[in-house]
Amino acid sequence: SVVFLQKVKTAKRIYATIIHAKTN
């Protein structure tokens, strides 16, 4: 499974935005 991450300023289209991540 792949999630392709790009900076907003260089993305041609945006499907979703990751606003925060955390783990423990």
PDBML (XML) file of the C-alpha atoms, coordinates in Angstrom:
<?xml version="1.0" encoding="UTF-8" ?>
<PDBx:datablock datablockName="MODEL"
   xmlns:PDBx="http://pdbml.pdb.org/schema/pdbx-v50.xsd"
   xmlns:xsi="http://www.w3.org/2001/XMLSchema-instance"
   xsi:schemaLocation="http://pdbml.pdb.org/schema/pdbx-v50.xsd pdbx-v50.xsd">
   <PDBx:atom_siteCategory>
      <PDBx:atom_site id="1">
         <PDBx:B_iso_or_equiv>0.00</PDBx:B_iso_or_equiv>
         <PDBx:Cartn_x>0.000</PDBx:Cartn_x>
         <PDBx:Cartn_y>0.000</PDBx:Cartn_y>
         <PDBx:Cartn_z>0.000</PDBx:Cartn_z>
         <PDBx:auth_asym_id>A</PDBx:auth_asym_id>
         <PDBx:auth_atom_id>CA</PDBx:auth_atom_id>
         <PDBx:auth_comp_id>SER</PDBx:auth_comp_id>
         <PDBx:auth_seq_id>1</PDBx:auth_seq_id>
         <PDBx:group_PDB>ATOM</PDBx:group_PDB>
         <PDBx:label_alt_id xsi:nil="true" />
         <PDBx:label_asym_id>A</PDBx:label_asym_id>
         <PDBx:label_atom_id>CA</PDBx:label_atom_id>
         <PDBx:label_comp_id>SER</PDBx:label_comp_id>
         <PDBx:label_entity_id>1</PDBx:label_entity_id>
         <PDBx:label_seq_id>1</PDBx:label_seq_id>
         <PDBx:occupancy>1.00</PDBx:occupancy>
         <PDBx:pdbx_PDB_model_num>1</PDBx:pdbx_PDB_model_num>
         <PDBx:type_symbol>C</PDBx:type_symbol>
      </PDBx:atom_site>
      <PDBx:atom_site id="2">
         <PDBx:B_iso_or_equiv>0.00</PDBx:B_iso_or_equiv>
         <PDBx:Cartn_x>1.347</PDBx:Cartn_x>
         <PDBx:Cartn_y>3.435</PDBx:Cartn_y>
         <PDBx:Cartn_z>-0.875</PDBx:Cartn_z>
         <PDBx:auth_asym_id>A</PDBx:auth_asym_id>
         <PDBx:auth_atom_id>CA</PDBx:auth_atom_id>
         <PDBx:auth_comp_id>VAL</PDBx:auth_comp_id>
         <PDBx:auth_seq_id>2</PDBx:auth_seq_id>
         <PDBx:group_PDB>ATOM</PDBx:group_PDB>
         <PDBx:label_alt_id xsi:nil="true" />
         <PDBx:label_asym_id>A</PDBx:label_asym_id>
         <PDBx:label_atom_id>CA</PDBx:label_atom_id>
         <PDBx:label_comp_id>VAL</PDBx:label_comp_id>
         <PDBx:label_entity_id>1</PDBx:label_entity_id>
         <PDBx:label_seq_id>2</PDBx:label_seq_id>
         <PDBx:occupancy>1.00</PDBx:occupancy>
         <PDBx:pdbx_PDB_model_num>1</PDBx:pdbx_PDB_model_num>
         <PDBx:type_symbol>C</PDBx:type_symbol>
      </PDBx:atom_site>
      <PDBx:atom_site id="3">
         <PDBx:B_iso_or_equiv>0.00</PDBx:B_iso_or_equiv>
         <PDBx:Cartn_x>0.584</PDBx:Cartn_x>
         <PDBx:Cartn_y>6.960</PDBx:Cartn_y>
         <PDBx:Cartn_z>0.224</PDBx:Cartn_z>
         <PDBx:auth_asym_id>A</PDBx:auth_asym_id>
         <PDBx:auth_atom_id>CA</PDBx:auth_atom_id>
         <PDBx:auth_comp_id>VAL</PDBx:auth_comp_id>
         <PDBx:auth_seq_id>3</PDBx:auth_seq_id>
         <PDBx:group_PDB>ATOM</PDBx:group_PDB>
         <PDBx:label_alt_id xsi:nil="true" />
         <PDBx:label_asym_id>A</PDBx:label_asym_id>
         <PDBx:label_atom_id>CA</PDBx:label_atom_id>
         <PDBx:label_comp_id>VAL</PDBx:label_comp_id>
         <PDBx:label_entity_id>1</PDBx:label_entity_id>
         <PDBx:label_seq_id>3</PDBx:label_seq_id>
         <PDBx:occupancy>1.00</PDBx:occupancy>
         <PDBx:pdbx_PDB_model_num>1</PDBx:pdbx_PDB_model_num>
         <PDBx:type_symbol>C</PDBx:type_symbol>
      </PDBx:atom_site>
      <PDBx:atom_site id="4">
         <PDBx:B_iso_or_equiv>0.00</PDBx:B_iso_or_equiv>
         <PDBx:Cartn_x>2.302</PDBx:Cartn_x>
         <PDBx:Cartn_y>9.571</PDBx:Cartn_y>
         <PDBx:Cartn_z>-1.932</PDBx:Cartn_z>
         <PDBx:auth_asym_id>A</PDBx:auth_asym_id>
         <PDBx:auth_atom_id>CA</PDBx:auth_atom_id>
         <PDBx:auth_comp_id>PHE</PDBx:auth_comp_id>
         <PDBx:auth_seq_id>4</PDBx:auth_seq_id>
         <PDBx:group_PDB>ATOM</PDBx:group_PDB>
         <PDBx:label_alt_id xsi:nil="true" />
         <PDBx:label_asym_id>A</PDBx:label_asym_id>
         <PDBx:label_atom_id>CA</PDBx:label_atom_id>
         <PDBx:label_comp_id>PHE</PDBx:label_comp_id>
         <PDBx:label_entity_id>1</PDBx:label_entity_id>
         <PDBx:label_seq_id>4</PDBx:label_seq_id>
         <PDBx:occupancy>1.00</PDBx:occupancy>
         <PDBx:pdbx_PDB_model_num>1</PDBx:pdbx_PDB_model_num>
         <PDBx:type_symbol>C</PDBx:type_symbol>
      </PDBx:atom_site>
      <PDBx:atom_site id="5">
         <PDBx:B_iso_or_equiv>0.00</PDBx:B_iso_or_equiv>
         <PDBx:Cartn_x>3.114</PDBx:Cartn_x>
         <PDBx:Cartn_y>12.680</PDBx:Cartn_y>
         <PDBx:Cartn_z>0.089</PDBx:Cartn_z>
         <PDBx:auth_asym_id>A</PDBx:auth_asym_id>
         <PDBx:auth_atom_id>CA</PDBx:auth_atom_id>
         <PDBx:auth_comp_id>LEU</PDBx:auth_comp_id>
         <PDBx:auth_seq_id>5</PDBx:auth_seq_id>
         <PDBx:group_PDB>ATOM</PDBx:group_PDB>
         <PDBx:label_alt_id xsi:nil="true" />
         <PDBx:label_asym_id>A</PDBx:label_asym_id>
         <PDBx:label_atom_id>CA</PDBx:label_atom_id>
         <PDBx:label_comp_id>LEU</PDBx:label_comp_id>
         <PDBx:label_entity_id>1</PDBx:label_entity_id>
         <PDBx:label_seq_id>5</PDBx:label_seq_id>
         <PDBx:occupancy>1.00</PDBx:occupancy>
         <PDBx:pdbx_PDB_model_num>1</PDBx:pdbx_PDB_model_num>
         <PDBx:type_symbol>C</PDBx:type_symbol>
      </PDBx:atom_site>
      <PDBx:atom_site id="6">
         <PDBx:B_iso_or_equiv>0.00</PDBx:B_iso_or_equiv>
         <PDBx:Cartn_x>3.784</PDBx:Cartn_x>
         <PDBx:Cartn_y>16.041</PDBx:Cartn_y>
         <PDBx:Cartn_z>-1.526</PDBx:Cartn_z>
         <PDBx:auth_asym_id>A</PDBx:auth_asym_id>
         <PDBx:auth_atom_id>CA</PDBx:auth_atom_id>
         <PDBx:auth_comp_id>GLN</PDBx:auth_comp_id>
         <PDBx:auth_seq_id>6</PDBx:auth_seq_id>
         <PDBx:group_PDB>ATOM</PDBx:group_PDB>
         <PDBx:label_alt_id xsi:nil="true" />
         <PDBx:label_asym_id>A</PDBx:label_asym_id>
         <PDBx:label_atom_id>CA</PDBx:label_atom_id>
         <PDBx:label_comp_id>GLN</PDBx:label_comp_id>
         <PDBx:label_entity_id>1</PDBx:label_entity_id>
         <PDBx:label_seq_id>6</PDBx:label_seq_id>
         <PDBx:occupancy>1.00</PDBx:occupancy>
         <PDBx:pdbx_PDB_model_num>1</PDBx:pdbx_PDB_model_num>
         <PDBx:type_symbol>C</PDBx:type_symbol>
      </PDBx:atom_site>
      <PDBx:atom_site id="7">
         <PDBx:B_iso_or_equiv>0.00</PDBx:B_iso_or_equiv>
         <PDBx:Cartn_x>4.069</PDBx:Cartn_x>
         <PDBx:Cartn_y>19.604</PDBx:Cartn_y>
         <PDBx:Cartn_z>-0.405</PDBx:Cartn_z>
         <PDBx:auth_asym_id>A</PDBx:auth_asym_id>
         <PDBx:auth_atom_id>CA</PDBx:auth_atom_id>
         <PDBx:auth_comp_id>LYS</PDBx:auth_comp_id>
         <PDBx:auth_seq_id>7</PDBx:auth_seq_id>
         <PDBx:group_PDB>ATOM</PDBx:group_PDB>
         <PDBx:label_alt_id xsi:nil="true" />
         <PDBx:label_asym_id>A</PDBx:label_asym_id>
         <PDBx:label_atom_id>CA</PDBx:label_atom_id>
         <PDBx:label_comp_id>LYS</PDBx:label_comp_id>
         <PDBx:label_entity_id>1</PDBx:label_entity_id>
         <PDBx:label_seq_id>7</PDBx:label_seq_id>
         <PDBx:occupancy>1.00</PDBx:occupancy>
         <PDBx:pdbx_PDB_model_num>1</PDBx:pdbx_PDB_model_num>
         <PDBx:type_symbol>C</PDBx:type_symbol>
      </PDBx:atom_site>
      <PDBx:atom_site id="8">
         <PDBx:B_iso_or_equiv>0.00</PDBx:B_iso_or_equiv>
         <PDBx:Cartn_x>0.868</PDBx:Cartn_x>
         <PDBx:Cartn_y>21.531</PDBx:Cartn_y>
         <PDBx:Cartn_z>-1.112</PDBx:Cartn_z>
         <PDBx:auth_asym_id>A</PDBx:auth_asym_id>
         <PDBx:auth_atom_id>CA</PDBx:auth_atom_id>
         <PDBx:auth_comp_id>VAL</PDBx:auth_comp_id>
         <PDBx:auth_seq_id>8</PDBx:auth_seq_id>
         <PDBx:group_PDB>ATOM</PDBx:group_PDB>
         <PDBx:label_alt_id xsi:nil="true" />
         <PDBx:label_asym_id>A</PDBx:label_asym_id>
         <PDBx:label_atom_id>CA</PDBx:label_atom_id>
         <PDBx:label_comp_id>VAL</PDBx:label_comp_id>
         <PDBx:label_entity_id>1</PDBx:label_entity_id>
         <PDBx:label_seq_id>8</PDBx:label_seq_id>
         <PDBx:occupancy>1.00</PDBx:occupancy>
         <PDBx:pdbx_PDB_model_num>1</PDBx:pdbx_PDB_model_num>
         <PDBx:type_symbol>C</PDBx:type_symbol>
      </PDBx:atom_site>
      <PDBx:atom_site id="9">
         <PDBx:B_iso_or_equiv>0.00</PDBx:B_iso_or_equiv>
         <PDBx:Cartn_x>2.716</PDBx:Cartn_x>
         <PDBx:Cartn_y>24.123</PDBx:Cartn_y>
         <PDBx:Cartn_z>-3.194</PDBx:Cartn_z>
         <PDBx:auth_asym_id>A</PDBx:auth_asym_id>
         <PDBx:auth_atom_id>CA</PDBx:auth_atom_id>
         <PDBx:auth_comp_id>LYS</PDBx:auth_comp_id>
         <PDBx:auth_seq_id>9</PDBx:auth_seq_id>
         <PDBx:group_PDB>ATOM</PDBx:group_PDB>
         <PDBx:label_alt_id xsi:nil="true" />
         <PDBx:label_asym_id>A</PDBx:label_asym_id>
         <PDBx:label_atom_id>CA</PDBx:label_atom_id>
         <PDBx:label_comp_id>LYS</PDBx:label_comp_id>
         <PDBx:label_entity_id>1</PDBx:label_entity_id>
         <PDBx:label_seq_id>9</PDBx:label_seq_id>
         <PDBx:occupancy>1.00</PDBx:occupancy>
         <PDBx:pdbx_PDB_model_num>1</PDBx:pdbx_PDB_model_num>
         <PDBx:type_symbol>C</PDBx:type_symbol>
      </PDBx:atom_site>
      <PDBx:atom_site id="10">
         <PDBx:B_iso_or_equiv>0.00</PDBx:B_iso_or_equiv>
         <PDBx:Cartn_x>3.976</PDBx:Cartn_x>
         <PDBx:Cartn_y>21.465</PDBx:Cartn_y>
         <PDBx:Cartn_z>-5.649</PDBx:Cartn_z>
         <PDBx:auth_asym_id>A</PDBx:auth_asym_id>
         <PDBx:auth_atom_id>CA</PDBx:auth_atom_id>
         <PDBx:auth_comp_id>THR</PDBx:auth_comp_id>
         <PDBx:auth_seq_id>10</PDBx:auth_seq_id>
         <PDBx:group_PDB>ATOM</PDBx:group_PDB>
         <PDBx:label_alt_id xsi:nil="true" />
         <PDBx:label_asym_id>A</PDBx:label_asym_id>
         <PDBx:label_atom_id>CA</PDBx:label_atom_id>
         <PDBx:label_comp_id>THR</PDBx:label_comp_id>
         <PDBx:label_entity_id>1</PDBx:label_entity_id>
         <PDBx:label_seq_id>10</PDBx:label_seq_id>
         <PDBx:occupancy>1.00</PDBx:occupancy>
         <PDBx:pdbx_PDB_model_num>1</PDBx:pdbx_PDB_model_num>
         <PDBx:type_symbol>C</PDBx:type_symbol>
      </PDBx:atom_site>
      <PDBx:atom_site id="11">
         <PDBx:B_iso_or_equiv>0.00</PDBx:B_iso_or_equiv>
         <PDBx:Cartn_x>0.925</PDBx:Cartn_x>
         <PDBx:Cartn_y>19.170</PDBx:Cartn_y>
         <PDBx:Cartn_z>-5.768</PDBx:Cartn_z>
         <PDBx:auth_asym_id>A</PDBx:auth_asym_id>
         <PDBx:auth_atom_id>CA</PDBx:auth_atom_id>
         <PDBx:auth_comp_id>ALA</PDBx:auth_comp_id>
         <PDBx:auth_seq_id>11</PDBx:auth_seq_id>
         <PDBx:group_PDB>ATOM</PDBx:group_PDB>
         <PDBx:label_alt_id xsi:nil="true" />
         <PDBx:label_asym_id>A</PDBx:label_asym_id>
         <PDBx:label_atom_id>CA</PDBx:label_atom_id>
         <PDBx:label_comp_id>ALA</PDBx:label_comp_id>
         <PDBx:label_entity_id>1</PDBx:label_entity_id>
         <PDBx:label_seq_id>11</PDBx:label_seq_id>
         <PDBx:occupancy>1.00</PDBx:occupancy>
         <PDBx:pdbx_PDB_model_num>1</PDBx:pdbx_PDB_model_num>
         <PDBx:type_symbol>C</PDBx:type_symbol>
      </PDBx:atom_site>
      <PDBx:atom_site id="12">
         <PDBx:B_iso_or_equiv>0.00</PDBx:B_iso_or_equiv>
         <PDBx:Cartn_x>-1.131</PDBx:Cartn_x>
         <PDBx:Cartn_y>19.043</PDBx:Cartn_y>
         <PDBx:Cartn_z>-8.973</PDBx:Cartn_z>
         <PDBx:auth_asym_id>A</PDBx:auth_asym_id>
         <PDBx:auth_atom_id>CA</PDBx:auth_atom_id>
         <PDBx:auth_comp_id>LYS</PDBx:auth_comp_id>
         <PDBx:auth_seq_id>12</PDBx:auth_seq_id>
         <PDBx:group_PDB>ATOM</PDBx:group_PDB>
         <PDBx:label_alt_id xsi:nil="true" />
         <PDBx:label_asym_id>A</PDBx:label_asym_id>
         <PDBx:label_atom_id>CA</PDBx:label_atom_id>
         <PDBx:label_comp_id>LYS</PDBx:label_comp_id>
         <PDBx:label_entity_id>1</PDBx:label_entity_id>
         <PDBx:label_seq_id>12</PDBx:label_seq_id>
         <PDBx:occupancy>1.00</PDBx:occupancy>
         <PDBx:pdbx_PDB_model_num>1</PDBx:pdbx_PDB_model_num>
         <PDBx:type_symbol>C</PDBx:type_symbol>
      </PDBx:atom_site>
      <PDBx:atom_site id="13">
         <PDBx:B_iso_or_equiv>0.00</PDBx:B_iso_or_equiv>
         <PDBx:Cartn_x>-4.147</PDBx:Cartn_x>
         <PDBx:Cartn_y>17.764</PDBx:Cartn_y>
         <PDBx:Cartn_z>-7.061</PDBx:Cartn_z>
         <PDBx:auth_asym_id>A</PDBx:auth_asym_id>
         <PDBx:auth_atom_id>CA</PDBx:auth_atom_id>
         <PDBx:auth_comp_id>ARG</PDBx:auth_comp_id>
         <PDBx:auth_seq_id>13</PDBx:auth_seq_id>
         <PDBx:group_PDB>ATOM</PDBx:group_PDB>
         <PDBx:label_alt_id xsi:nil="true" />
         <PDBx:label_asym_id>A</PDBx:label_asym_id>
         <PDBx:label_atom_id>CA</PDBx:label_atom_id>
         <PDBx:label_comp_id>ARG</PDBx:label_comp_id>
         <PDBx:label_entity_id>1</PDBx:label_entity_id>
         <PDBx:label_seq_id>13</PDBx:label_seq_id>
         <PDBx:occupancy>1.00</PDBx:occupancy>
         <PDBx:pdbx_PDB_model_num>1</PDBx:pdbx_PDB_model_num>
         <PDBx:type_symbol>C</PDBx:type_symbol>
      </PDBx:atom_site>
      <PDBx:atom_site id="14">
         <PDBx:B_iso_or_equiv>0.00</PDBx:B_iso_or_equiv>
         <PDBx:Cartn_x>-4.901</PDBx:Cartn_x>
         <PDBx:Cartn_y>17.104</PDBx:Cartn_y>
         <PDBx:Cartn_z>-3.403</PDBx:Cartn_z>
         <PDBx:auth_asym_id>A</PDBx:auth_asym_id>
         <PDBx:auth_atom_id>CA</PDBx:auth_atom_id>
         <PDBx:auth_comp_id>ILE</PDBx:auth_comp_id>
         <PDBx:auth_seq_id>14</PDBx:auth_seq_id>
         <PDBx:group_PDB>ATOM</PDBx:group_PDB>
         <PDBx:label_alt_id xsi:nil="true" />
         <PDBx:label_asym_id>A</PDBx:label_asym_id>
         <PDBx:label_atom_id>CA</PDBx:label_atom_id>
         <PDBx:label_comp_id>ILE</PDBx:label_comp_id>
         <PDBx:label_entity_id>1</PDBx:label_entity_id>
         <PDBx:label_seq_id>14</PDBx:label_seq_id>
         <PDBx:occupancy>1.00</PDBx:occupancy>
         <PDBx:pdbx_PDB_model_num>1</PDBx:pdbx_PDB_model_num>
         <PDBx:type_symbol>C</PDBx:type_symbol>
      </PDBx:atom_site>
      <PDBx:atom_site id="15">
         <PDBx:B_iso_or_equiv>0.00</PDBx:B_iso_or_equiv>
         <PDBx:Cartn_x>-6.990</PDBx:Cartn_x>
         <PDBx:Cartn_y>14.139</PDBx:Cartn_y>
         <PDBx:Cartn_z>-2.309</PDBx:Cartn_z>
         <PDBx:auth_asym_id>A</PDBx:auth_asym_id>
         <PDBx:auth_atom_id>CA</PDBx:auth_atom_id>
         <PDBx:auth_comp_id>TYR</PDBx:auth_comp_id>
         <PDBx:auth_seq_id>15</PDBx:auth_seq_id>
         <PDBx:group_PDB>ATOM</PDBx:group_PDB>
         <PDBx:label_alt_id xsi:nil="true" />
         <PDBx:label_asym_id>A</PDBx:label_asym_id>
         <PDBx:label_atom_id>CA</PDBx:label_atom_id>
         <PDBx:label_comp_id>TYR</PDBx:label_comp_id>
         <PDBx:label_entity_id>1</PDBx:label_entity_id>
         <PDBx:label_seq_id>15</PDBx:label_seq_id>
         <PDBx:occupancy>1.00</PDBx:occupancy>
         <PDBx:pdbx_PDB_model_num>1</PDBx:pdbx_PDB_model_num>
         <PDBx:type_symbol>C</PDBx:type_symbol>
      </PDBx:atom_site>
      <PDBx:atom_site id="16">
         <PDBx:B_iso_or_equiv>0.00</PDBx:B_iso_or_equiv>
         <PDBx:Cartn_x>-6.486</PDBx:Cartn_x>
         <PDBx:Cartn_y>14.495</PDBx:Cartn_y>
         <PDBx:Cartn_z>1.423</PDBx:Cartn_z>
         <PDBx:auth_asym_id>A</PDBx:auth_asym_id>
         <PDBx:auth_atom_id>CA</PDBx:auth_atom_id>
         <PDBx:auth_comp_id>ALA</PDBx:auth_comp_id>
         <PDBx:auth_seq_id>16</PDBx:auth_seq_id>
         <PDBx:group_PDB>ATOM</PDBx:group_PDB>
         <PDBx:label_alt_id xsi:nil="true" />
         <PDBx:label_asym_id>A</PDBx:label_asym_id>
         <PDBx:label_atom_id>CA</PDBx:label_atom_id>
         <PDBx:label_comp_id>ALA</PDBx:label_comp_id>
         <PDBx:label_entity_id>1</PDBx:label_entity_id>
         <PDBx:label_seq_id>16</PDBx:label_seq_id>
         <PDBx:occupancy>1.00</PDBx:occupancy>
         <PDBx:pdbx_PDB_model_num>1</PDBx:pdbx_PDB_model_num>
         <PDBx:type_symbol>C</PDBx:type_symbol>
      </PDBx:atom_site>
      <PDBx:atom_site id="17">
         <PDBx:B_iso_or_equiv>0.00</PDBx:B_iso_or_equiv>
         <PDBx:Cartn_x>-4.420</PDBx:Cartn_x>
         <PDBx:Cartn_y>16.447</PDBx:Cartn_y>
         <PDBx:Cartn_z>3.901</PDBx:Cartn_z>
         <PDBx:auth_asym_id>A</PDBx:auth_asym_id>
         <PDBx:auth_atom_id>CA</PDBx:auth_atom_id>
         <PDBx:auth_comp_id>THR</PDBx:auth_comp_id>
         <PDBx:auth_seq_id>17</PDBx:auth_seq_id>
         <PDBx:group_PDB>ATOM</PDBx:group_PDB>
         <PDBx:label_alt_id xsi:nil="true" />
         <PDBx:label_asym_id>A</PDBx:label_asym_id>
         <PDBx:label_atom_id>CA</PDBx:label_atom_id>
         <PDBx:label_comp_id>THR</PDBx:label_comp_id>
         <PDBx:label_entity_id>1</PDBx:label_entity_id>
         <PDBx:label_seq_id>17</PDBx:label_seq_id>
         <PDBx:occupancy>1.00</PDBx:occupancy>
         <PDBx:pdbx_PDB_model_num>1</PDBx:pdbx_PDB_model_num>
         <PDBx:type_symbol>C</PDBx:type_symbol>
      </PDBx:atom_site>
      <PDBx:atom_site id="18">
         <PDBx:B_iso_or_equiv>0.00</PDBx:B_iso_or_equiv>
         <PDBx:Cartn_x>-2.591</PDBx:Cartn_x>
         <PDBx:Cartn_y>14.957</PDBx:Cartn_y>
         <PDBx:Cartn_z>6.866</PDBx:Cartn_z>
         <PDBx:auth_asym_id>A</PDBx:auth_asym_id>
         <PDBx:auth_atom_id>CA</PDBx:auth_atom_id>
         <PDBx:auth_comp_id>ILE</PDBx:auth_comp_id>
         <PDBx:auth_seq_id>18</PDBx:auth_seq_id>
         <PDBx:group_PDB>ATOM</PDBx:group_PDB>
         <PDBx:label_alt_id xsi:nil="true" />
         <PDBx:label_asym_id>A</PDBx:label_asym_id>
         <PDBx:label_atom_id>CA</PDBx:label_atom_id>
         <PDBx:label_comp_id>ILE</PDBx:label_comp_id>
         <PDBx:label_entity_id>1</PDBx:label_entity_id>
         <PDBx:label_seq_id>18</PDBx:label_seq_id>
         <PDBx:occupancy>1.00</PDBx:occupancy>
         <PDBx:pdbx_PDB_model_num>1</PDBx:pdbx_PDB_model_num>
         <PDBx:type_symbol>C</PDBx:type_symbol>
      </PDBx:atom_site>
      <PDBx:atom_site id="19">
         <PDBx:B_iso_or_equiv>0.00</PDBx:B_iso_or_equiv>
         <PDBx:Cartn_x>-2.784</PDBx:Cartn_x>
         <PDBx:Cartn_y>17.609</PDBx:Cartn_y>
         <PDBx:Cartn_z>9.554</PDBx:Cartn_z>
         <PDBx:auth_asym_id>A</PDBx:auth_asym_id>
         <PDBx:auth_atom_id>CA</PDBx:auth_atom_id>
         <PDBx:auth_comp_id>ILE</PDBx:auth_comp_id>
         <PDBx:auth_seq_id>19</PDBx:auth_seq_id>
         <PDBx:group_PDB>ATOM</PDBx:group_PDB>
         <PDBx:label_alt_id xsi:nil="true" />
         <PDBx:label_asym_id>A</PDBx:label_asym_id>
         <PDBx:label_atom_id>CA</PDBx:label_atom_id>
         <PDBx:label_comp_id>ILE</PDBx:label_comp_id>
         <PDBx:label_entity_id>1</PDBx:label_entity_id>
         <PDBx:label_seq_id>19</PDBx:label_seq_id>
         <PDBx:occupancy>1.00</PDBx:occupancy>
         <PDBx:pdbx_PDB_model_num>1</PDBx:pdbx_PDB_model_num>
         <PDBx:type_symbol>C</PDBx:type_symbol>
      </PDBx:atom_site>
      <PDBx:atom_site id="20">
         <PDBx:B_iso_or_equiv>0.00</PDBx:B_iso_or_equiv>
         <PDBx:Cartn_x>-1.075</PDBx:Cartn_x>
         <PDBx:Cartn_y>15.735</PDBx:Cartn_y>
         <PDBx:Cartn_z>12.371</PDBx:Cartn_z>
         <PDBx:auth_asym_id>A</PDBx:auth_asym_id>
         <PDBx:auth_atom_id>CA</PDBx:auth_atom_id>
         <PDBx:auth_comp_id>HIS</PDBx:auth_comp_id>
         <PDBx:auth_seq_id>20</PDBx:auth_seq_id>
         <PDBx:group_PDB>ATOM</PDBx:group_PDB>
         <PDBx:label_alt_id xsi:nil="true" />
         <PDBx:label_asym_id>A</PDBx:label_asym_id>
         <PDBx:label_atom_id>CA</PDBx:label_atom_id>
         <PDBx:label_comp_id>HIS</PDBx:label_comp_id>
         <PDBx:label_entity_id>1</PDBx:label_entity_id>
         <PDBx:label_seq_id>20</PDBx:label_seq_id>
         <PDBx:occupancy>1.00</PDBx:occupancy>
         <PDBx:pdbx_PDB_model_num>1</PDBx:pdbx_PDB_model_num>
         <PDBx:type_symbol>C</PDBx:type_symbol>
      </PDBx:atom_site>
      <PDBx:atom_site id="21">
         <PDBx:B_iso_or_equiv>0.00</PDBx:B_iso_or_equiv>
         <PDBx:Cartn_x>0.375</PDBx:Cartn_x>
         <PDBx:Cartn_y>12.354</PDBx:Cartn_y>
         <PDBx:Cartn_z>13.274</PDBx:Cartn_z>
         <PDBx:auth_asym_id>A</PDBx:auth_asym_id>
         <PDBx:auth_atom_id>CA</PDBx:auth_atom_id>
         <PDBx:auth_comp_id>ALA</PDBx:auth_comp_id>
         <PDBx:auth_seq_id>21</PDBx:auth_seq_id>
         <PDBx:group_PDB>ATOM</PDBx:group_PDB>
         <PDBx:label_alt_id xsi:nil="true" />
         <PDBx:label_asym_id>A</PDBx:label_asym_id>
         <PDBx:label_atom_id>CA</PDBx:label_atom_id>
         <PDBx:label_comp_id>ALA</PDBx:label_comp_id>
         <PDBx:label_entity_id>1</PDBx:label_entity_id>
         <PDBx:label_seq_id>21</PDBx:label_seq_id>
         <PDBx:occupancy>1.00</PDBx:occupancy>
         <PDBx:pdbx_PDB_model_num>1</PDBx:pdbx_PDB_model_num>
         <PDBx:type_symbol>C</PDBx:type_symbol>
      </PDBx:atom_site>
      <PDBx:atom_site id="22">
         <PDBx:B_iso_or_equiv>0.00</PDBx:B_iso_or_equiv>
         <PDBx:Cartn_x>1.262</PDBx:Cartn_x>
         <PDBx:Cartn_y>10.803</PDBx:Cartn_y>
         <PDBx:Cartn_z>16.603</PDBx:Cartn_z>
         <PDBx:auth_asym_id>A</PDBx:auth_asym_id>
         <PDBx:auth_atom_id>CA</PDBx:auth_atom_id>
         <PDBx:auth_comp_id>LYS</PDBx:auth_comp_id>
         <PDBx:auth_seq_id>22</PDBx:auth_seq_id>
         <PDBx:group_PDB>ATOM</PDBx:group_PDB>
         <PDBx:label_alt_id xsi:nil="true" />
         <PDBx:label_asym_id>A</PDBx:label_asym_id>
         <PDBx:label_atom_id>CA</PDBx:label_atom_id>
         <PDBx:label_comp_id>LYS</PDBx:label_comp_id>
         <PDBx:label_entity_id>1</PDBx:label_entity_id>
         <PDBx:label_seq_id>22</PDBx:label_seq_id>
         <PDBx:occupancy>1.00</PDBx:occupancy>
         <PDBx:pdbx_PDB_model_num>1</PDBx:pdbx_PDB_model_num>
         <PDBx:type_symbol>C</PDBx:type_symbol>
      </PDBx:atom_site>
      <PDBx:atom_site id="23">
         <PDBx:B_iso_or_equiv>0.00</PDBx:B_iso_or_equiv>
         <PDBx:Cartn_x>2.142</PDBx:Cartn_x>
         <PDBx:Cartn_y>7.336</PDBx:Cartn_y>
         <PDBx:Cartn_z>17.879</PDBx:Cartn_z>
         <PDBx:auth_asym_id>A</PDBx:auth_asym_id>
         <PDBx:auth_atom_id>CA</PDBx:auth_atom_id>
         <PDBx:auth_comp_id>THR</PDBx:auth_comp_id>
         <PDBx:auth_seq_id>23</PDBx:auth_seq_id>
         <PDBx:group_PDB>ATOM</PDBx:group_PDB>
         <PDBx:label_alt_id xsi:nil="true" />
         <PDBx:label_asym_id>A</PDBx:label_asym_id>
         <PDBx:label_atom_id>CA</PDBx:label_atom_id>
         <PDBx:label_comp_id>THR</PDBx:label_comp_id>
         <PDBx:label_entity_id>1</PDBx:label_entity_id>
         <PDBx:label_seq_id>23</PDBx:label_seq_id>
         <PDBx:occupancy>1.00</PDBx:occupancy>
         <PDBx:pdbx_PDB_model_num>1</PDBx:pdbx_PDB_model_num>
         <PDBx:type_symbol>C</PDBx:type_symbol>
      </PDBx:atom_site>
      <PDBx:atom_site id="24">
         <PDBx:B_iso_or_equiv>0.00</PDBx:B_iso_or_equiv>
         <PDBx:Cartn_x>2.988</PDBx:Cartn_x>
         <PDBx:Cartn_y>5.621</PDBx:Cartn_y>
         <PDBx:Cartn_z>21.108</PDBx:Cartn_z>
         <PDBx:auth_asym_id>A</PDBx:auth_asym_id>
         <PDBx:auth_atom_id>CA</PDBx:auth_atom_id>
         <PDBx:auth_comp_id>ASN</PDBx:auth_comp_id>
         <PDBx:auth_seq_id>24</PDBx:auth_seq_id>
         <PDBx:group_PDB>ATOM</PDBx:group_PDB>
         <PDBx:label_alt_id xsi:nil="true" />
         <PDBx:label_asym_id>A</PDBx:label_asym_id>
         <PDBx:label_atom_id>CA</PDBx:label_atom_id>
         <PDBx:label_comp_id>ASN</PDBx:label_comp_id>
         <PDBx:label_entity_id>1</PDBx:label_entity_id>
         <PDBx:label_seq_id>24</PDBx:label_seq_id>
         <PDBx:occupancy>1.00</PDBx:occupancy>
         <PDBx:pdbx_PDB_model_num>1</PDBx:pdbx_PDB_model_num>
         <PDBx:type_symbol>C</PDBx:type_symbol>
      </PDBx:atom_site>
   </PDBx:atom_siteCategory>
</PDBx:datablock>
